[in-house]
């Protein structure tokens, strides 16, 4: 049995399992580090988060389904 978390991503709340959370957190952290010099206010990262939110929302068909690693592919 895997843990799940509720996360706010791009102004939407998702329930996400631990593996998908780890993958998503690593991805966003890497984006934040890559753009740190040119994005001190975090606007670029915020745009990425909103787009990821849109993609996950579409894959879950607007339902509050559990986000899994399979959905992130």
PDB file of N, CA and C in Angstrom:
ATOM      1  N   UNK A   1       0.852  -1.170   0.000  1.00  0.00           N
ATOM      2  CA  UNK A   1       0.000   0.000   0.000  1.00  0.00           C
ATOM      3  C   UNK A   1       0.899   1.235   0.000  1.00  0.00           C
ATOM      4  N   UNK A   2       0.592   2.166  -0.876  1.00  0.00           N
ATOM      5  CA  UNK A   2       1.422   3.351  -1.015  1.00  0.00           C
ATOM      6  C   UNK A   2       0.715   4.564  -0.393  1.00  0.00           C
ATOM      7  N   UNK A   3       1.504   5.445   0.187  1.00  0.00           N
ATOM      8  CA  UNK A   3       0.950   6.671   0.764  1.00  0.00           C
ATOM      9  C   UNK A   3       0.432   7.563  -0.351  1.00  0.00           C
ATOM     10  N   UNK A   4      -0.509   8.421  -0.011  1.00  0.00           N
ATOM     11  CA  UNK A   4      -0.967   9.431  -0.963  1.00  0.00           C
ATOM     12  C   UNK A   4      -1.037  10.776  -0.246  1.00  0.00           C
ATOM     13  N   UNK A   5      -0.923  11.820  -1.029  1.00  0.00           N
ATOM     14  CA  UNK A   5      -0.899  13.184  -0.508  1.00  0.00           C
ATOM     15  C   UNK A   5      -1.893  14.035  -1.282  1.00  0.00           C
ATOM     16  N   UNK A   6      -2.338  15.098  -0.667  1.00  0.00           N
ATOM     17  CA  UNK A   6      -3.097  16.112  -1.372  1.00  0.00           C
ATOM     18  C   UNK A   6      -2.148  17.268  -1.642  1.00  0.00           C
ATOM     19  N   UNK A   7      -2.054  17.687  -2.898  1.00  0.00           N
ATOM     20  CA  UNK A   7      -1.164  18.780  -3.269  1.00  0.00           C
ATOM     21  C   UNK A   7      -1.940  19.816  -4.067  1.00  0.00           C
ATOM     22  N   UNK A   8      -1.506  21.046  -3.937  1.00  0.00           N
ATOM     23  CA  UNK A   8      -2.062  22.136  -4.721  1.00  0.00           C
ATOM     24  C   UNK A   8      -1.088  22.403  -5.860  1.00  0.00           C
ATOM     25  N   UNK A   9      -1.544  22.215  -7.064  1.00  0.00           N
ATOM     26  CA  UNK A   9      -0.709  22.408  -8.244  1.00  0.00           C
ATOM     27  C   UNK A   9      -1.479  23.271  -9.226  1.00  0.00           C
ATOM     28  N   UNK A  10      -0.961  24.448  -9.486  1.00  0.00           N
ATOM     29  CA  UNK A  10      -1.637  25.334 -10.431  1.00  0.00           C
ATOM     30  C   UNK A  10      -3.056  25.665 -10.019  1.00  0.00           C
ATOM     31  N   UNK A  11      -3.262  25.933  -8.747  1.00  0.00           N
ATOM     32  CA  UNK A  11      -4.573  26.304  -8.182  1.00  0.00           C
ATOM     33  C   UNK A  11      -5.604  25.180  -8.225  1.00  0.00           C
ATOM     34  N   UNK A  12      -5.148  23.960  -8.411  1.00  0.00           N
ATOM     35  CA  UNK A  12      -6.038  22.803  -8.345  1.00  0.00           C
ATOM     36  C   UNK A  12      -5.487  21.852  -7.294  1.00  0.00           C
ATOM     37  N   UNK A  13      -6.389  21.154  -6.621  1.00  0.00           N
ATOM     38  CA  UNK A  13      -5.975  20.189  -5.610  1.00  0.00           C
ATOM     39  C   UNK A  13      -6.031  18.794  -6.231  1.00  0.00           C
ATOM     40  N   UNK A  14      -4.934  18.061  -6.069  1.00  0.00           N
ATOM     41  CA  UNK A  14      -4.840  16.703  -6.573  1.00  0.00           C
ATOM     42  C   UNK A  14      -4.463  15.770  -5.442  1.00  0.00           C
ATOM     43  N   UNK A  15      -5.008  14.566  -5.493  1.00  0.00           N
ATOM     44  CA  UNK A  15      -4.525  13.511  -4.616  1.00  0.00           C
ATOM     45  C   UNK A  15      -3.515  12.727  -5.435  1.00  0.00           C
ATOM     46  N   UNK A  16      -2.314  12.565  -4.897  1.00  0.00           N
ATOM     47  CA  UNK A  16      -1.222  11.992  -5.672  1.00  0.00           C
ATOM     48  C   UNK A  16      -0.513  10.938  -4.839  1.00  0.00           C
ATOM     49  N   UNK A  17      -0.182   9.806  -5.479  1.00  0.00           N
ATOM     50  CA  UNK A  17       0.509   8.770  -4.712  1.00  0.00           C
ATOM     51  C   UNK A  17       1.979   9.142  -4.527  1.00  0.00           C
ATOM     52  N   UNK A  18       2.629   8.456  -3.610  1.00  0.00           N
ATOM     53  CA  UNK A  18       3.982   8.842  -3.199  1.00  0.00           C
ATOM     54  C   UNK A  18       4.991   8.797  -4.341  1.00  0.00           C
ATOM     55  N   UNK A  19       4.927   7.797  -5.196  1.00  0.00           N
ATOM     56  CA  UNK A  19       5.865   7.695  -6.319  1.00  0.00           C
ATOM     57  C   UNK A  19       5.695   8.848  -7.293  1.00  0.00           C
ATOM     58  N   UNK A  20       4.458   9.162  -7.625  1.00  0.00           N
ATOM     59  CA  UNK A  20       4.183  10.277  -8.545  1.00  0.00           C
ATOM     60  C   UNK A  20       4.567  11.602  -7.894  1.00  0.00           C
ATOM     61  N   UNK A  21       4.326  11.731  -6.592  1.00  0.00           N
ATOM     62  CA  UNK A  21       4.713  12.948  -5.875  1.00  0.00           C
ATOM     63  C   UNK A  21       6.220  13.162  -5.936  1.00  0.00           C
ATOM     64  N   UNK A  22       6.972  12.105  -5.697  1.00  0.00           N
ATOM     65  CA  UNK A  22       8.433  12.192  -5.739  1.00  0.00           C
ATOM     66  C   UNK A  22       8.903  12.612  -7.126  1.00  0.00           C
ATOM     67  N   UNK A  23       8.319  12.011  -8.163  1.00  0.00           N
ATOM     68  CA  UNK A  23       8.679  12.342  -9.532  1.00  0.00           C
ATOM     69  C   UNK A  23       8.346  13.804  -9.845  1.00  0.00           C
ATOM     70  N   UNK A  24       7.161  14.230  -9.471  1.00  0.00           N
ATOM     71  CA  UNK A  24       6.725  15.597  -9.728  1.00  0.00           C
ATOM     72  C   UNK A  24       7.564  16.608  -8.952  1.00  0.00           C
ATOM     73  N   UNK A  25       7.850  16.309  -7.702  1.00  0.00           N
ATOM     74  CA  UNK A  25       8.656  17.197  -6.872  1.00  0.00           C
ATOM     75  C   UNK A  25      10.068  17.350  -7.445  1.00  0.00           C
ATOM     76  N   UNK A  26      10.658  16.263  -7.886  1.00  0.00           N
ATOM     77  CA  UNK A  26      11.989  16.310  -8.497  1.00  0.00           C
ATOM     78  C   UNK A  26      11.969  17.151  -9.762  1.00  0.00           C
ATOM     79  N   UNK A  27      10.952  16.963 -10.588  1.00  0.00           N
ATOM     80  CA  UNK A  27      10.826  17.707 -11.841  1.00  0.00           C
ATOM     81  C   UNK A  27      10.711  19.218 -11.575  1.00  0.00           C
ATOM     82  N   UNK A  28       9.840  19.600 -10.661  1.00  0.00           N
ATOM     83  CA  UNK A  28       9.641  21.016 -10.364  1.00  0.00           C
ATOM     84  C   UNK A  28      10.885  21.613  -9.704  1.00  0.00           C
ATOM     85  N   UNK A  29      11.530  20.865  -8.838  1.00  0.00           N
ATOM     86  CA  UNK A  29      12.773  21.339  -8.210  1.00  0.00           C
ATOM     87  C   UNK A  29      13.842  21.588  -9.266  1.00  0.00           C
ATOM     88  N   UNK A  30      13.970  20.679 -10.226  1.00  0.00           N
ATOM     89  CA  UNK A  30      14.951  20.856 -11.307  1.00  0.00           C
ATOM     90  C   UNK A  30      14.628  22.077 -12.171  1.00  0.00           C
ATOM     91  N   UNK A  31      13.362  22.299 -12.454  1.00  0.00           N
ATOM     92  CA  UNK A  31      12.962  23.485 -13.224  1.00  0.00           C
ATOM     93  C   UNK A  31      13.305  24.745 -12.434  1.00  0.00           C
ATOM     94  N   UNK A  32      12.987  24.734 -11.143  1.00  0.00           N
ATOM     95  CA  UNK A  32      13.261  25.891 -10.287  1.00  0.00           C
ATOM     96  C   UNK A  32      14.763  26.204 -10.266  1.00  0.00           C
ATOM     97  N   UNK A  33      15.600  25.166 -10.162  1.00  0.00           N
ATOM     98  CA  UNK A  33      17.049  25.366 -10.148  1.00  0.00           C
ATOM     99  C   UNK A  33      17.555  25.860 -11.499  1.00  0.00           C
ATOM    100  N   UNK A  34      17.015  25.314 -12.571  1.00  0.00           N
ATOM    101  CA  UNK A  34      17.457  25.698 -13.914  1.00  0.00           C
ATOM    102  C   UNK A  34      17.171  27.171 -14.208  1.00  0.00           C
ATOM    103  N   UNK A  35      16.004  27.648 -13.798  1.00  0.00           N
ATOM    104  CA  UNK A  35      15.589  29.020 -14.104  1.00  0.00           C
ATOM    105  C   UNK A  35      15.839  30.006 -12.956  1.00  0.00           C
ATOM    106  N   UNK A  36      16.522  29.594 -11.916  1.00  0.00           N
ATOM    107  CA  UNK A  36      16.694  30.429 -10.724  1.00  0.00           C
ATOM    108  C   UNK A  36      17.292  31.802 -11.039  1.00  0.00           C
ATOM    109  N   UNK A  37      18.298  31.859 -11.875  1.00  0.00           N
ATOM    110  CA  UNK A  37      18.972  33.135 -12.166  1.00  0.00           C
ATOM    111  C   UNK A  37      18.081  34.099 -12.937  1.00  0.00           C
ATOM    112  N   UNK A  38      17.310  33.579 -13.863  1.00  0.00           N
ATOM    113  CA  UNK A  38      16.489  34.463 -14.698  1.00  0.00           C
ATOM    114  C   UNK A  38      15.039  34.571 -14.230  1.00  0.00           C
ATOM    115  N   UNK A  39      14.693  33.878 -13.156  1.00  0.00           N
ATOM    116  CA  UNK A  39      13.308  33.867 -12.674  1.00  0.00           C
ATOM    117  C   UNK A  39      13.256  34.014 -11.158  1.00  0.00           C
ATOM    118  N   UNK A  40      13.726  35.144 -10.623  1.00  0.00           N
ATOM    119  CA  UNK A  40      13.762  35.299  -9.159  1.00  0.00           C
ATOM    120  C   UNK A  40      12.373  35.307  -8.510  1.00  0.00           C
ATOM    121  N   UNK A  41      11.341  35.696  -9.257  1.00  0.00           N
ATOM    122  CA  UNK A  41       9.985  35.735  -8.702  1.00  0.00           C
ATOM    123  C   UNK A  41       9.225  34.427  -8.873  1.00  0.00           C
ATOM    124  N   UNK A  42       9.800  33.469  -9.604  1.00  0.00           N
ATOM    125  CA  UNK A  42       9.168  32.174  -9.772  1.00  0.00           C
ATOM    126  C   UNK A  42       8.049  32.129 -10.793  1.00  0.00           C
ATOM    127  N   UNK A  43       7.958  33.114 -11.680  1.00  0.00           N
ATOM    128  CA  UNK A  43       6.867  33.141 -12.655  1.00  0.00           C
ATOM    129  C   UNK A  43       6.974  32.024 -13.685  1.00  0.00           C
ATOM    130  N   UNK A  44       8.186  31.695 -14.104  1.00  0.00           N
ATOM    131  CA  UNK A  44       8.367  30.624 -15.085  1.00  0.00           C
ATOM    132  C   UNK A  44       7.944  29.285 -14.470  1.00  0.00           C
ATOM    133  N   UNK A  45       8.375  29.044 -13.252  1.00  0.00           N
ATOM    134  CA  UNK A  45       8.012  27.806 -12.564  1.00  0.00           C
ATOM    135  C   UNK A  45       6.502  27.742 -12.376  1.00  0.00           C
ATOM    136  N   UNK A  46       5.901  28.849 -12.055  1.00  0.00           N
ATOM    137  CA  UNK A  46       4.446  28.897 -11.891  1.00  0.00           C
ATOM    138  C   UNK A  46       3.742  28.520 -13.194  1.00  0.00           C
ATOM    139  N   UNK A  47       4.263  28.998 -14.325  1.00  0.00           N
ATOM    140  CA  UNK A  47       3.683  28.631 -15.621  1.00  0.00           C
ATOM    141  C   UNK A  47       3.786  27.127 -15.861  1.00  0.00           C
ATOM    142  N   UNK A  48       4.932  26.538 -15.513  1.00  0.00           N
ATOM    143  CA  UNK A  48       5.082  25.088 -15.625  1.00  0.00           C
ATOM    144  C   UNK A  48       4.067  24.373 -14.747  1.00  0.00           C
ATOM    145  N   UNK A  49       3.883  24.845 -13.527  1.00  0.00           N
ATOM    146  CA  UNK A  49       2.938  24.220 -12.610  1.00  0.00           C
ATOM    147  C   UNK A  49       1.511  24.290 -13.150  1.00  0.00           C
ATOM    148  N   UNK A  50       1.126  25.435 -13.712  1.00  0.00           N
ATOM    149  CA  UNK A  50      -0.212  25.561 -14.282  1.00  0.00           C
ATOM    150  C   UNK A  50      -0.409  24.604 -15.457  1.00  0.00           C
ATOM    151  N   UNK A  51       0.613  24.474 -16.291  1.00  0.00           N
ATOM    152  CA  UNK A  51       0.501  23.564 -17.442  1.00  0.00           C
ATOM    153  C   UNK A  51       0.427  22.118 -16.966  1.00  0.00           C
ATOM    154  N   UNK A  52       1.250  21.752 -15.998  1.00  0.00           N
ATOM    155  CA  UNK A  52       1.176  20.396 -15.442  1.00  0.00           C
ATOM    156  C   UNK A  52      -0.201  20.130 -14.845  1.00  0.00           C
ATOM    157  N   UNK A  53      -0.740  21.124 -14.180  1.00  0.00           N
ATOM    158  CA  UNK A  53      -2.080  21.005 -13.606  1.00  0.00           C
ATOM    159  C   UNK A  53      -3.114  20.746 -14.704  1.00  0.00           C
ATOM    160  N   UNK A  54      -3.023  21.479 -15.800  1.00  0.00           N
ATOM    161  CA  UNK A  54      -3.948  21.275 -16.923  1.00  0.00           C
ATOM    162  C   UNK A  54      -3.847  19.852 -17.472  1.00  0.00           C
ATOM    163  N   UNK A  55      -2.623  19.380 -17.648  1.00  0.00           N
ATOM    164  CA  UNK A  55      -2.412  18.037 -18.200  1.00  0.00           C
ATOM    165  C   UNK A  55      -2.978  16.974 -17.263  1.00  0.00           C
ATOM    166  N   UNK A  56      -2.680  17.071 -15.975  1.00  0.00           N
ATOM    167  CA  UNK A  56      -3.195  16.084 -15.025  1.00  0.00           C
ATOM    168  C   UNK A  56      -4.714  16.147 -14.911  1.00  0.00           C
ATOM    169  N   UNK A  57      -5.269  17.340 -14.995  1.00  0.00           N
ATOM    170  CA  UNK A  57      -6.725  17.507 -14.940  1.00  0.00           C
ATOM    171  C   UNK A  57      -7.378  16.819 -16.135  1.00  0.00           C
ATOM    172  N   UNK A  58      -6.783  16.993 -17.330  1.00  0.00           N
ATOM    173  CA  UNK A  58      -7.308  16.346 -18.532  1.00  0.00           C
ATOM    174  C   UNK A  58      -7.213  14.829 -18.422  1.00  0.00           C
ATOM    175  N   UNK A  59      -6.077  14.328 -17.925  1.00  0.00           N
ATOM    176  CA  UNK A  59      -5.899  12.884 -17.810  1.00  0.00           C
ATOM    177  C   UNK A  59      -6.836  12.276 -16.780  1.00  0.00           C
ATOM    178  N   UNK A  60      -7.190  13.030 -15.762  1.00  0.00           N
ATOM    179  CA  UNK A  60      -8.130  12.514 -14.768  1.00  0.00           C
ATOM    180  C   UNK A  60      -9.574  12.804 -15.163  1.00  0.00           C
ATOM    181  N   UNK A  61      -9.747  13.412 -16.339  1.00  0.00           N
ATOM    182  CA  UNK A  61     -11.061  13.743 -16.895  1.00  0.00           C
ATOM    183  C   UNK A  61     -11.872  14.627 -15.959  1.00  0.00           C
ATOM    184  N   UNK A  62     -11.156  15.504 -15.246  1.00  0.00           N
ATOM    185  CA  UNK A  62     -11.822  16.451 -14.371  1.00  0.00           C
ATOM    186  C   UNK A  62     -12.333  15.846 -13.077  1.00  0.00           C
ATOM    187  N   UNK A  63     -12.071  14.564 -12.880  1.00  0.00           N
ATOM    188  CA  UNK A  63     -12.498  13.903 -11.649  1.00  0.00           C
ATOM    189  C   UNK A  63     -11.358  13.974 -10.652  1.00  0.00           C
ATOM    190  N   UNK A  64     -11.677  13.769  -9.405  1.00  0.00           N
ATOM    191  CA  UNK A  64     -10.636  13.781  -8.388  1.00  0.00           C
ATOM    192  C   UNK A  64     -10.047  12.378  -8.241  1.00  0.00           C
ATOM    193  N   UNK A  65      -9.457  11.899  -9.334  1.00  0.00           N
ATOM    194  CA  UNK A  65      -8.832  10.583  -9.336  1.00  0.00           C
ATOM    195  C   UNK A  65      -7.433  10.680  -8.745  1.00  0.00           C
ATOM    196  N   UNK A  66      -6.961   9.583  -8.231  1.00  0.00           N
ATOM    197  CA  UNK A  66      -5.618   9.521  -7.679  1.00  0.00           C
ATOM    198  C   UNK A  66      -4.609   9.641  -8.819  1.00  0.00           C
ATOM    199  N   UNK A  67      -3.684  10.592  -8.699  1.00  0.00           N
ATOM    200  CA  UNK A  67      -2.633  10.755  -9.706  1.00  0.00           C
ATOM    201  C   UNK A  67      -1.555   9.720  -9.419  1.00  0.00           C
ATOM    202  N   UNK A  68      -1.214   8.953 -10.455  1.00  0.00           N
ATOM    203  CA  UNK A  68      -0.195   7.914 -10.334  1.00  0.00           C
ATOM    204  C   UNK A  68       0.919   8.185 -11.332  1.00  0.00           C
ATOM    205  N   UNK A  69       1.995   7.434 -11.211  1.00  0.00           N
ATOM    206  CA  UNK A  69       3.113   7.573 -12.142  1.00  0.00           C
ATOM    207  C   UNK A  69       2.637   7.326 -13.570  1.00  0.00           C
ATOM    208  N   UNK A  70       1.737   6.394 -13.767  1.00  0.00           N
ATOM    209  CA  UNK A  70       1.229   6.092 -15.111  1.00  0.00           C
ATOM    210  C   UNK A  70       0.570   7.316 -15.756  1.00  0.00           C
ATOM    211  N   UNK A  71      -0.075   8.145 -14.943  1.00  0.00           N
ATOM    212  CA  UNK A  71      -0.739   9.338 -15.474  1.00  0.00           C
ATOM    213  C   UNK A  71       0.262  10.403 -15.890  1.00  0.00           C
ATOM    214  N   UNK A  72       1.484  10.332 -15.379  1.00  0.00           N
ATOM    215  CA  UNK A  72       2.465  11.362 -15.679  1.00  0.00           C
ATOM    216  C   UNK A  72       3.193  11.088 -16.986  1.00  0.00           C
ATOM    217  N   UNK A  73       2.920   9.990 -17.609  1.00  0.00           N
ATOM    218  CA  UNK A  73       3.607   9.637 -18.863  1.00  0.00           C
ATOM    219  C   UNK A  73       2.842  10.144 -20.050  1.00  0.00           C
TER     220      UNK A  73
END
